[in-house]
Protein backbone atom coordinates (compact mmCIF):
# COMPACT_ATOMS: atom_id res chain seq x y z
CA MET A 1 3.55 25.08 123.15
CA GLY A 2 6.32 23.70 120.95
CA ARG A 3 5.73 20.52 119.02
CA GLU A 4 8.10 18.14 117.27
CA ILE A 5 6.89 15.97 114.41
CA GLU A 6 9.74 13.76 113.28
CA ARG A 7 10.62 10.53 111.49
CA LYS A 8 14.00 8.79 111.53
CA PHE A 9 15.64 6.57 108.95
CA LEU A 10 18.89 4.69 108.53
CA LEU A 11 20.74 5.29 105.27
CA ARG A 12 21.78 2.95 102.52
CA GLY A 13 24.10 5.21 100.60
CA ASP A 14 25.81 8.57 100.59
CA GLY A 15 23.71 10.25 97.88
CA TRP A 16 22.69 12.77 100.55
CA ARG A 17 26.17 14.34 100.64
CA THR A 18 25.52 16.51 97.58
CA LEU A 19 22.51 18.05 99.36
CA VAL A 20 24.44 19.33 102.43
CA THR A 21 24.08 23.09 102.86
CA ARG A 22 25.86 23.43 106.23
CA THR A 23 27.29 21.30 109.03
CA THR A 24 27.39 21.91 112.77
CA LEU A 25 29.06 20.05 115.64
CA LEU A 26 26.72 19.08 118.48
CA ARG A 27 27.60 17.90 121.98
CA GLN A 28 24.65 16.93 124.10
CA ALA A 29 23.70 15.04 127.22
CA TYR A 30 20.62 14.24 129.25
CA LEU A 31 19.85 15.57 132.70
CA SER A 32 16.73 13.39 132.95
CA THR A 33 15.39 10.47 130.96
CA ASP A 34 12.24 9.96 133.00
CA PRO A 35 9.78 7.75 131.05
CA ARG A 36 7.38 10.71 130.71
CA ARG A 37 9.92 13.37 129.73
CA GLU A 38 13.50 14.01 128.74
CA VAL A 39 15.61 17.02 129.68
CA ARG A 40 18.60 17.63 127.40
CA VAL A 41 21.41 20.16 127.26
CA ARG A 42 23.07 20.78 123.88
CA ILE A 43 26.03 22.88 122.75
CA THR A 44 26.31 23.78 119.06
CA ASP A 45 29.74 24.61 117.62
CA ASP A 46 30.84 25.80 121.10
CA THR A 47 29.01 29.09 120.36
CA GLU A 48 25.42 28.54 121.45
CA ALA A 49 23.58 26.27 123.87
CA PHE A 50 20.06 25.09 124.58
CA LEU A 51 18.09 23.39 127.32
CA THR A 52 15.29 21.22 125.90
CA VAL A 53 12.37 19.41 127.51
CA LYS A 54 10.55 16.78 125.42
CA ALA A 55 7.36 15.07 126.58
CA LYS A 56 6.97 11.42 125.63
CA GLN A 57 4.01 10.65 123.40
CA ALA A 58 3.05 7.85 121.04
CA GLY A 59 3.77 8.33 117.34
CA PRO A 60 6.00 10.82 115.55
CA ALA A 61 4.71 13.97 117.35
CA ARG A 62 5.53 15.16 120.87
CA ALA A 63 5.64 18.35 122.90
CA GLU A 64 9.02 20.09 122.81
CA PHE A 65 10.23 23.20 124.66
CA GLU A 66 13.67 24.62 123.88
CA TYR A 67 15.41 27.57 125.53
CA ALA A 68 18.72 29.28 124.76
CA ILE A 69 21.13 29.29 127.71
CA PRO A 70 24.69 30.60 128.15
CA VAL A 71 27.36 28.21 126.82
CA GLU A 72 29.13 28.32 130.19
CA ASP A 73 25.96 27.12 131.92
CA ALA A 74 25.57 24.32 129.38
CA GLN A 75 29.17 23.21 129.92
CA GLU A 76 28.51 23.02 133.66
CA LEU A 77 25.25 21.13 133.10
CA LEU A 78 27.11 18.56 130.95
CA THR A 79 29.04 17.58 134.06
CA HIS A 80 25.73 16.75 135.80
CA ARG A 81 24.50 14.47 133.02
CA THR A 82 23.03 11.05 133.37
CA GLY A 83 24.78 8.66 130.98
CA GLY A 84 27.35 9.55 128.38
CA LEU A 85 27.98 12.47 126.10
CA VAL A 86 26.52 12.23 122.58
CA GLU A 87 28.61 13.91 119.89
CA LYS A 88 27.64 14.25 116.25
CA HIS A 89 28.03 16.28 113.10
CA ARG A 90 24.63 17.54 112.01
CA HIS A 91 24.39 18.03 108.26
CA HIS A 92 21.52 20.27 107.15
CA LEU A 93 20.21 19.33 103.71
CA ALA A 94 18.50 21.12 100.87
CA PRO A 95 15.44 18.89 101.21
CA PRO A 96 14.58 16.64 98.28
CA ALA A 97 10.96 16.61 99.55
CA ALA A 98 8.74 18.31 102.16
CA GLY A 99 10.06 18.94 105.67
CA HIS A 100 13.39 19.88 107.23
CA TRP A 101 15.98 17.16 106.50
CA ILE A 102 19.08 16.63 108.65
CA ILE A 103 21.66 13.88 108.79
CA ASP A 104 23.23 13.09 112.17
CA GLN A 105 26.65 11.52 111.72
CA TYR A 106 27.75 10.31 115.15
CA THR A 107 31.32 10.46 116.40
CA GLY A 108 33.06 9.20 119.53
CA THR A 109 31.69 5.92 120.83
CA HIS A 110 28.98 5.90 118.16
CA THR A 111 31.24 6.44 115.14
CA GLY A 112 29.67 4.84 112.09
CA LEU A 113 26.05 5.48 113.00
CA ILE A 114 24.33 7.85 110.53
CA VAL A 115 20.64 8.72 110.86
CA LEU A 116 18.32 10.88 108.75
CA GLU A 117 15.73 12.92 110.64
CA ILE A 118 12.87 14.62 108.82
CA GLU A 119 10.92 17.21 110.80
CA TRP A 120 7.68 19.00 109.96
CA GLU A 121 5.85 21.99 111.36
CA GLN A 122 2.40 20.44 110.94
CA ALA A 123 1.09 16.89 110.64
CA GLU A 124 -0.48 17.77 107.28
CA ASP A 125 3.04 18.16 105.84
CA THR A 126 4.18 14.61 106.65
CA SER A 127 3.66 12.84 103.32
CA LEU A 128 6.97 11.45 102.05
CA VAL A 129 8.66 10.58 98.81
CA LEU A 130 12.01 9.09 99.77
CA PRO A 131 15.14 9.06 97.61
CA PRO A 132 16.92 5.70 97.08
CA TRP A 133 19.64 6.47 99.67
CA VAL A 134 17.06 6.39 102.49
CA GLY A 135 16.86 3.01 104.21
CA THR A 136 14.97 1.48 107.13
CA ASP A 137 12.42 3.58 109.02
CA VAL A 138 13.46 3.54 112.71
CA THR A 139 10.90 6.10 113.93
CA GLY A 140 9.86 5.14 117.44
CA ASN A 141 12.60 2.51 117.80
CA PRO A 142 14.13 3.41 121.18
CA ALA A 143 17.51 1.95 120.16
CA TYR A 144 18.01 4.97 117.88
CA SER A 145 16.97 7.70 120.31
CA ASN A 146 19.71 10.02 121.51
CA ALA A 147 18.67 9.33 125.12
CA THR A 148 19.29 5.60 124.58
CA LEU A 149 22.61 6.29 122.86
CA ALA A 150 23.64 8.43 125.84
CA ALA A 151 22.65 5.65 128.25
CA THR A 152 24.60 3.00 126.30
CA PRO A 153 27.64 4.92 125.08
CA ALA A 154 29.67 1.85 124.11
CA GLN A 155 26.97 0.34 121.89
CA HIS A 156 24.62 1.24 119.07
CA PRO A 157 22.60 -0.76 116.57
CA ALA A 158 24.50 -1.80 113.48
CA GLN A 159 24.29 0.45 110.44
CA PRO A 160 23.27 -1.47 107.31
CA ASP A 161 25.64 -1.44 104.32
């Protein structure tokens, strides 16, 4: 069984930009946002696609199952989405601390929203030392979930300065 352990933060500066090792373009949408599970389709750089099922759980960990699918199938599934399309540039960072660090810089109707996600393989790895450019912890705040952003494509919470 796959498992996702993740925390999310808003940013208070662009000190992260020097840590970017690669950037990808993501287009994703939700086929289901049932309160117990989400089903998402994602296309990365128009070259690969994935179908993902995430089980809702309390806290920063939840079950996650992800499967590669043909890009053509993903493009068709996007037309069957519930809510809007979420588009973002995902910047992968050379992590300044433990975990896998990515910055999601949203485009389209969410332009201006930038969120740091830190993911770990195991709960034991989740201790954090945060650099000064990391701001408010929004882990578990539904306003910052991609499913919520897809459901409210014309709105997103304000990004602090």
